[in-house]
N, C-alpha and C. Protein backbone atom coordinates (compact mmCIF):
# COMPACT_ATOMS: atom_id res chain seq x y z
N MET A 1 -3.51 -5.56 -6.72
CA MET A 1 -4.53 -5.17 -5.76
C MET A 1 -5.67 -6.01 -5.96
N GLU A 2 -5.68 -7.01 -6.92
CA GLU A 2 -6.79 -7.70 -7.20
C GLU A 2 -7.30 -8.45 -5.83
N PRO A 3 -8.40 -8.62 -5.23
CA PRO A 3 -9.61 -8.44 -6.18
C PRO A 3 -10.06 -6.93 -5.95
N THR A 4 -9.55 -6.15 -5.04
CA THR A 4 -10.04 -4.77 -4.76
C THR A 4 -10.21 -3.86 -5.86
N ILE A 5 -8.98 -3.78 -6.67
CA ILE A 5 -8.83 -3.09 -7.80
C ILE A 5 -8.23 -3.92 -8.81
N ARG A 6 -8.83 -3.99 -10.06
CA ARG A 6 -8.32 -4.94 -11.22
C ARG A 6 -7.70 -3.88 -12.20
N THR A 7 -6.90 -4.55 -13.25
CA THR A 7 -6.05 -3.88 -14.15
C THR A 7 -6.86 -2.67 -14.94
N ASN A 8 -7.96 -2.86 -15.45
CA ASN A 8 -8.61 -1.91 -16.32
C ASN A 8 -9.69 -1.05 -15.43
N ASP A 9 -9.76 -1.24 -14.20
CA ASP A 9 -10.55 -0.45 -13.29
C ASP A 9 -10.19 1.17 -13.33
N ILE A 10 -11.23 1.98 -13.20
CA ILE A 10 -10.84 3.43 -13.14
C ILE A 10 -11.10 3.99 -11.84
N VAL A 11 -10.14 4.54 -11.16
CA VAL A 11 -10.39 5.01 -9.65
C VAL A 11 -9.94 6.62 -9.62
N LEU A 12 -10.62 7.16 -8.75
CA LEU A 12 -10.51 8.64 -8.37
C LEU A 12 -9.53 8.63 -7.20
N THR A 13 -8.43 9.62 -7.42
CA THR A 13 -7.35 9.77 -6.37
C THR A 13 -7.37 11.30 -5.81
N GLU A 14 -6.85 11.36 -4.67
CA GLU A 14 -6.53 12.67 -4.20
C GLU A 14 -5.00 12.63 -3.91
N HIS A 15 -4.27 13.92 -3.92
CA HIS A 15 -2.92 14.12 -3.98
C HIS A 15 -2.58 14.79 -2.72
N ILE A 16 -3.37 15.36 -1.92
CA ILE A 16 -2.93 16.10 -0.80
C ILE A 16 -2.36 15.26 0.29
N THR A 17 -2.88 14.02 0.55
CA THR A 17 -2.42 13.20 1.67
C THR A 17 -0.92 12.88 1.39
N THR A 18 -0.60 12.34 0.08
CA THR A 18 0.63 11.94 -0.20
C THR A 18 1.63 13.11 -0.21
N MET A 19 1.13 14.33 -0.72
CA MET A 19 2.21 15.49 -0.67
C MET A 19 2.56 15.81 0.71
N LEU A 20 1.57 15.69 1.71
CA LEU A 20 1.88 16.19 2.93
C LEU A 20 2.45 14.98 3.87
N ASN A 21 2.63 13.74 3.20
CA ASN A 21 3.29 12.69 3.91
C ASN A 21 2.29 12.18 5.10
N ARG A 22 1.03 12.12 4.83
CA ARG A 22 0.07 11.83 5.83
C ARG A 22 -0.70 10.52 5.55
N THR A 23 0.12 9.71 4.75
CA THR A 23 -0.44 8.45 4.43
C THR A 23 -0.47 7.45 5.67
N LYS A 24 -1.49 6.60 5.83
CA LYS A 24 -1.73 5.88 6.87
C LYS A 24 -1.80 4.34 6.51
N ARG A 25 -1.61 3.61 7.52
CA ARG A 25 -1.85 2.13 7.21
C ARG A 25 -3.23 1.88 6.72
N GLY A 26 -3.32 1.09 5.75
CA GLY A 26 -4.56 0.69 5.20
C GLY A 26 -5.05 1.55 4.04
N ASP A 27 -4.34 2.70 3.68
CA ASP A 27 -4.77 3.47 2.66
C ASP A 27 -4.19 2.77 1.35
N VAL A 28 -4.93 2.84 0.26
CA VAL A 28 -4.55 2.35 -1.11
C VAL A 28 -3.97 3.51 -1.75
N VAL A 29 -2.88 3.41 -2.31
CA VAL A 29 -2.02 4.42 -2.91
C VAL A 29 -1.65 4.01 -4.43
N ILE A 30 -1.30 5.06 -5.13
CA ILE A 30 -0.78 4.86 -6.51
C ILE A 30 0.54 5.61 -6.29
N ALA A 31 1.71 4.77 -6.78
CA ALA A 31 3.07 5.12 -6.55
C ALA A 31 3.69 4.83 -7.83
N LYS A 32 5.00 5.60 -8.03
CA LYS A 32 5.71 5.18 -9.24
C LYS A 32 6.55 3.90 -8.80
N SER A 33 6.65 2.93 -9.69
CA SER A 33 7.21 1.70 -9.27
C SER A 33 8.79 1.83 -8.96
N PRO A 34 9.20 1.40 -7.78
CA PRO A 34 10.51 1.44 -7.43
C PRO A 34 11.43 0.70 -8.44
N THR A 35 10.90 -0.21 -8.99
CA THR A 35 11.72 -1.13 -9.88
C THR A 35 11.79 -0.47 -11.26
N ASN A 36 10.80 0.27 -11.80
CA ASN A 36 10.63 0.68 -13.05
C ASN A 36 9.80 2.13 -13.05
N PRO A 37 10.62 3.16 -12.99
CA PRO A 37 10.08 4.51 -12.96
C PRO A 37 9.07 4.81 -13.90
N ARG A 38 9.11 4.30 -14.93
CA ARG A 38 8.06 4.57 -16.13
C ARG A 38 6.78 3.92 -15.96
N SER A 39 6.59 3.06 -14.88
CA SER A 39 5.23 2.66 -14.67
C SER A 39 4.81 2.88 -13.18
N TYR A 40 3.51 2.73 -12.93
CA TYR A 40 2.84 3.07 -11.61
C TYR A 40 2.36 1.71 -11.17
N ILE A 41 2.25 1.82 -9.63
CA ILE A 41 1.65 0.55 -9.05
C ILE A 41 0.60 1.03 -8.21
N CYS A 42 -0.32 0.13 -7.77
CA CYS A 42 -1.43 0.41 -6.96
C CYS A 42 -1.30 -0.52 -5.96
N LYS A 43 -1.04 -0.19 -4.65
CA LYS A 43 -0.83 -1.05 -3.37
C LYS A 43 -1.45 -0.44 -2.18
N ARG A 44 -1.49 -1.39 -1.14
CA ARG A 44 -2.19 -0.88 0.18
C ARG A 44 -1.00 -0.65 1.00
N VAL A 45 -0.94 0.58 1.82
CA VAL A 45 0.23 0.74 2.76
C VAL A 45 -0.24 -0.13 3.91
N THR A 46 0.80 -0.93 4.42
CA THR A 46 0.57 -1.89 5.46
C THR A 46 1.58 -1.56 6.69
N ALA A 47 2.48 -0.72 6.46
CA ALA A 47 3.44 -0.26 7.42
C ALA A 47 3.88 1.07 7.02
N VAL A 48 4.08 1.95 8.22
CA VAL A 48 4.60 3.29 8.01
C VAL A 48 5.97 3.43 8.65
N GLN A 49 6.59 4.57 8.56
CA GLN A 49 8.01 4.79 9.20
C GLN A 49 7.90 4.31 10.72
N GLY A 50 9.01 3.71 11.01
CA GLY A 50 8.96 3.20 12.50
C GLY A 50 8.34 1.88 12.85
N ASP A 51 7.59 1.37 11.99
CA ASP A 51 7.00 -0.02 11.99
C ASP A 51 7.99 -1.02 11.72
N LYS A 52 7.72 -2.18 12.36
CA LYS A 52 8.56 -3.52 11.89
C LYS A 52 7.73 -4.30 11.18
N VAL A 53 8.20 -4.86 10.17
CA VAL A 53 7.54 -5.84 9.37
C VAL A 53 8.29 -7.07 9.36
N ARG A 54 7.52 -8.20 9.34
CA ARG A 54 8.06 -9.53 9.23
C ARG A 54 8.14 -9.97 7.98
N LYS A 55 9.47 -10.11 7.42
CA LYS A 55 9.76 -10.63 6.06
C LYS A 55 10.36 -11.99 5.98
N GLY A 56 9.44 -12.91 5.81
CA GLY A 56 10.06 -14.38 5.89
C GLY A 56 10.51 -14.65 7.28
N LEU A 57 11.67 -14.92 7.57
CA LEU A 57 12.20 -15.27 8.83
C LEU A 57 12.75 -14.17 9.48
N PHE A 58 12.91 -12.99 8.85
CA PHE A 58 13.45 -11.82 9.44
C PHE A 58 12.46 -10.69 9.59
N THR A 59 12.88 -9.77 10.48
CA THR A 59 12.02 -8.70 10.77
C THR A 59 12.69 -7.44 10.19
N GLU A 60 12.04 -6.49 9.44
CA GLU A 60 12.52 -5.51 8.61
C GLU A 60 12.03 -4.21 9.30
N PHE A 61 12.80 -3.16 9.48
CA PHE A 61 12.39 -1.93 10.10
C PHE A 61 12.12 -1.03 9.00
N VAL A 62 10.93 -0.24 8.97
CA VAL A 62 10.45 0.73 7.88
C VAL A 62 11.25 2.06 8.34
N PRO A 63 12.14 2.50 7.46
CA PRO A 63 12.91 3.65 7.96
C PRO A 63 12.12 4.94 7.62
N LYS A 64 12.66 5.92 8.36
CA LYS A 64 11.99 7.38 8.15
C LYS A 64 11.85 7.84 6.71
N GLY A 65 10.70 8.21 6.36
CA GLY A 65 10.29 8.64 5.06
C GLY A 65 9.94 7.57 4.09
N HIS A 66 9.76 6.33 4.56
CA HIS A 66 9.33 5.24 3.84
C HIS A 66 7.99 4.67 4.26
N VAL A 67 7.45 3.86 3.36
CA VAL A 67 6.25 3.08 3.82
C VAL A 67 6.49 1.56 3.04
N TRP A 68 5.60 0.62 3.65
CA TRP A 68 5.72 -0.74 3.37
C TRP A 68 4.48 -0.97 2.25
N LEU A 69 4.37 -1.22 1.13
CA LEU A 69 3.40 -1.49 0.21
C LEU A 69 3.20 -3.01 -0.08
N GLU A 70 1.94 -3.46 0.10
CA GLU A 70 1.69 -4.84 -0.27
C GLU A 70 0.34 -4.73 -1.06
N GLY A 71 0.07 -5.81 -1.87
CA GLY A 71 -1.14 -5.95 -2.66
C GLY A 71 -2.06 -6.81 -1.93
N ASP A 72 -3.36 -6.66 -2.26
CA ASP A 72 -4.36 -7.37 -1.53
C ASP A 72 -4.30 -8.95 -1.85
N ASN A 73 -3.64 -9.17 -2.93
CA ASN A 73 -3.57 -10.69 -3.25
C ASN A 73 -2.01 -10.98 -3.05
N ARG A 74 -1.80 -11.17 -1.67
CA ARG A 74 -0.37 -11.35 -1.30
C ARG A 74 0.32 -12.51 -1.91
N SER A 75 -0.28 -13.67 -2.25
CA SER A 75 0.24 -14.70 -2.78
C SER A 75 0.73 -14.53 -4.29
N ASN A 76 0.24 -13.59 -4.87
CA ASN A 76 0.69 -13.11 -6.36
C ASN A 76 0.88 -11.68 -6.49
N SER A 77 1.81 -11.10 -5.75
CA SER A 77 1.87 -9.58 -5.71
C SER A 77 3.37 -9.25 -5.65
N THR A 78 3.86 -8.52 -6.64
CA THR A 78 5.26 -7.92 -6.56
C THR A 78 5.06 -6.58 -5.50
N ASP A 79 5.66 -6.56 -4.38
CA ASP A 79 5.34 -5.43 -3.57
C ASP A 79 6.62 -5.38 -2.58
N SER A 80 6.40 -4.50 -1.62
CA SER A 80 7.58 -4.46 -0.59
C SER A 80 8.31 -5.65 -0.17
N SER A 81 7.53 -6.84 -0.20
CA SER A 81 8.10 -8.11 0.19
C SER A 81 9.06 -8.50 -0.95
N SER A 82 9.02 -7.83 -2.05
CA SER A 82 10.15 -8.10 -2.95
C SER A 82 11.18 -6.97 -2.97
N TYR A 83 10.83 -5.79 -2.93
CA TYR A 83 11.74 -4.66 -3.18
C TYR A 83 11.88 -3.70 -1.88
N GLY A 84 11.29 -4.18 -0.71
CA GLY A 84 11.65 -3.35 0.41
C GLY A 84 10.78 -2.09 0.61
N PRO A 85 11.09 -1.38 1.73
CA PRO A 85 10.42 -0.20 1.95
C PRO A 85 10.52 0.81 0.74
N VAL A 86 9.44 1.48 0.52
CA VAL A 86 9.16 2.56 -0.58
C VAL A 86 9.35 3.79 -0.04
N PRO A 87 10.30 4.75 -0.79
CA PRO A 87 10.33 6.08 -0.28
C PRO A 87 8.91 6.85 -0.48
N GLN A 88 8.43 7.72 0.44
CA GLN A 88 7.19 8.40 0.38
C GLN A 88 7.14 9.14 -0.94
N ALA A 89 8.40 9.72 -1.16
CA ALA A 89 8.47 10.55 -2.39
C ALA A 89 7.81 9.97 -3.74
N LEU A 90 7.86 8.65 -3.73
CA LEU A 90 7.31 7.89 -4.96
C LEU A 90 5.81 7.78 -4.98
N LEU A 91 5.22 8.08 -3.70
CA LEU A 91 3.72 8.05 -3.73
C LEU A 91 3.25 9.25 -4.46
N ARG A 92 2.19 8.99 -5.29
CA ARG A 92 1.46 9.97 -6.15
C ARG A 92 0.14 10.38 -5.80
N GLY A 93 -0.65 9.44 -5.04
CA GLY A 93 -1.93 9.80 -4.80
C GLY A 93 -2.68 8.61 -3.80
N ARG A 94 -3.68 8.90 -3.19
CA ARG A 94 -4.38 8.00 -2.47
C ARG A 94 -5.82 7.75 -3.11
N VAL A 95 -6.06 6.53 -3.22
CA VAL A 95 -7.34 6.16 -3.94
C VAL A 95 -8.35 6.16 -3.08
N LEU A 96 -9.48 7.01 -3.61
CA LEU A 96 -10.79 7.23 -2.76
C LEU A 96 -11.86 6.46 -3.32
N LEU A 97 -12.03 6.22 -4.54
CA LEU A 97 -13.30 5.80 -5.14
C LEU A 97 -12.93 4.98 -6.50
N LYS A 98 -13.69 3.87 -6.53
CA LYS A 98 -13.62 3.21 -7.99
C LYS A 98 -14.82 3.59 -8.78
N VAL A 99 -14.48 4.17 -9.95
CA VAL A 99 -15.63 4.64 -10.75
C VAL A 99 -15.95 3.84 -12.04
N TRP A 100 -15.10 2.74 -12.19
CA TRP A 100 -15.38 1.91 -13.31
C TRP A 100 -14.83 0.55 -13.05
N PRO A 101 -15.56 -0.57 -13.31
CA PRO A 101 -16.74 -0.75 -14.00
C PRO A 101 -17.94 -0.10 -13.09
N LEU A 102 -19.08 0.18 -13.80
CA LEU A 102 -20.16 0.91 -13.05
C LEU A 102 -20.82 0.12 -12.05
N ASN A 103 -20.82 -1.27 -12.14
CA ASN A 103 -21.41 -2.06 -11.24
C ASN A 103 -20.56 -2.36 -9.99
N GLU A 104 -19.39 -1.81 -9.88
CA GLU A 104 -18.48 -1.77 -8.78
C GLU A 104 -18.18 -0.38 -8.31
N VAL A 105 -18.91 0.64 -8.63
CA VAL A 105 -18.62 1.85 -8.13
C VAL A 105 -18.80 2.07 -6.66
N GLY A 106 -17.84 2.58 -5.84
CA GLY A 106 -17.81 2.60 -4.74
C GLY A 106 -16.45 3.14 -4.04
N TYR A 107 -16.67 3.51 -2.56
CA TYR A 107 -15.49 4.07 -1.97
C TYR A 107 -14.45 2.95 -1.69
N ILE A 108 -13.14 3.12 -1.87
CA ILE A 108 -12.21 2.04 -1.48
C ILE A 108 -11.84 2.37 0.06
N ARG A 109 -12.11 1.36 0.86
CA ARG A 109 -12.08 1.51 2.44
C ARG A 109 -10.77 1.12 2.84
N SER A 110 -10.23 1.86 3.73
CA SER A 110 -9.07 1.69 4.52
C SER A 110 -9.41 0.45 5.44
N ARG A 111 -8.28 -0.46 5.51
CA ARG A 111 -8.38 -1.57 6.38
C ARG A 111 -7.27 -1.39 7.38
N ALA A 112 -7.23 -0.22 8.05
CA ALA A 112 -6.25 0.20 9.05
C ALA A 112 -6.34 -0.71 10.28
N ALA A 113 -7.44 -0.95 10.71
CA ALA A 113 -7.55 -1.62 12.02
C ALA A 113 -7.38 -3.02 12.01
N SER A 114 -7.68 -3.80 10.85
CA SER A 114 -7.37 -5.21 10.62
C SER A 114 -5.86 -5.20 10.32
N LEU A 115 -5.27 -4.29 9.75
CA LEU A 115 -3.94 -4.52 9.26
C LEU A 115 -3.02 -4.20 10.63
N ARG A 116 -3.44 -3.18 11.34
CA ARG A 116 -2.72 -3.18 12.62
C ARG A 116 -2.67 -4.30 13.38
N LYS A 117 -3.82 -4.88 13.76
CA LYS A 117 -3.98 -6.08 14.35
C LYS A 117 -3.03 -7.12 13.80
N ALA A 118 -3.06 -7.47 12.48
CA ALA A 118 -2.15 -8.41 11.76
C ALA A 118 -0.72 -8.14 12.07
N GLU A 119 -0.38 -6.79 11.95
CA GLU A 119 0.98 -6.37 12.07
C GLU A 119 1.41 -6.57 13.67
N GLU A 120 0.67 -6.29 14.37
CA GLU A 120 1.02 -6.60 15.84
C GLU A 120 1.11 -8.17 16.19
N ALA A 121 0.49 -8.81 15.57
CA ALA A 121 0.52 -10.31 15.63
C ALA A 121 1.72 -10.92 15.10
N ARG A 122 2.17 -10.32 13.75
CA ARG A 122 3.38 -10.62 13.13
C ARG A 122 4.64 -10.23 13.82
N VAL A 123 4.68 -9.17 14.46
CA VAL A 123 5.85 -8.50 15.12
C VAL A 123 5.97 -9.30 16.52
N ALA A 124 4.92 -9.76 17.11
CA ALA A 124 4.78 -10.40 18.45
C ALA A 124 5.34 -11.78 18.22
N ASP A 125 5.23 -12.51 16.99
CA ASP A 125 5.84 -13.67 16.69
C ASP A 125 7.34 -13.65 16.72
N THR A 126 7.87 -12.78 16.53
CA THR A 126 9.36 -12.68 16.46
C THR A 126 10.12 -12.46 17.80
């Protein structure tokens, strides 16, 4: 998730959104890793169930009960581009606020509008 959130940053999360499956495009979430259940990942939701995502030369459909997660540093991120759609059951919380380091304290903003436009452009290319 660099540069938005770095490895040793401390964040405040809420768990109601993920428990009720109300995660939206642009939300930054904490999830159990789909490849290693002993670790957690922090990624941005870029697509929700029913969306189409362009993956290389192919278009992939996000099935019911799943989300598409990507890191903000897409050129250096292990995310849904590698392991595909992630079950919503693996989502543990939505990041609200960065609290450490102190000089970077602030809300983590959703980038839903810009992601929606980018997604529409990606699908329109196919």
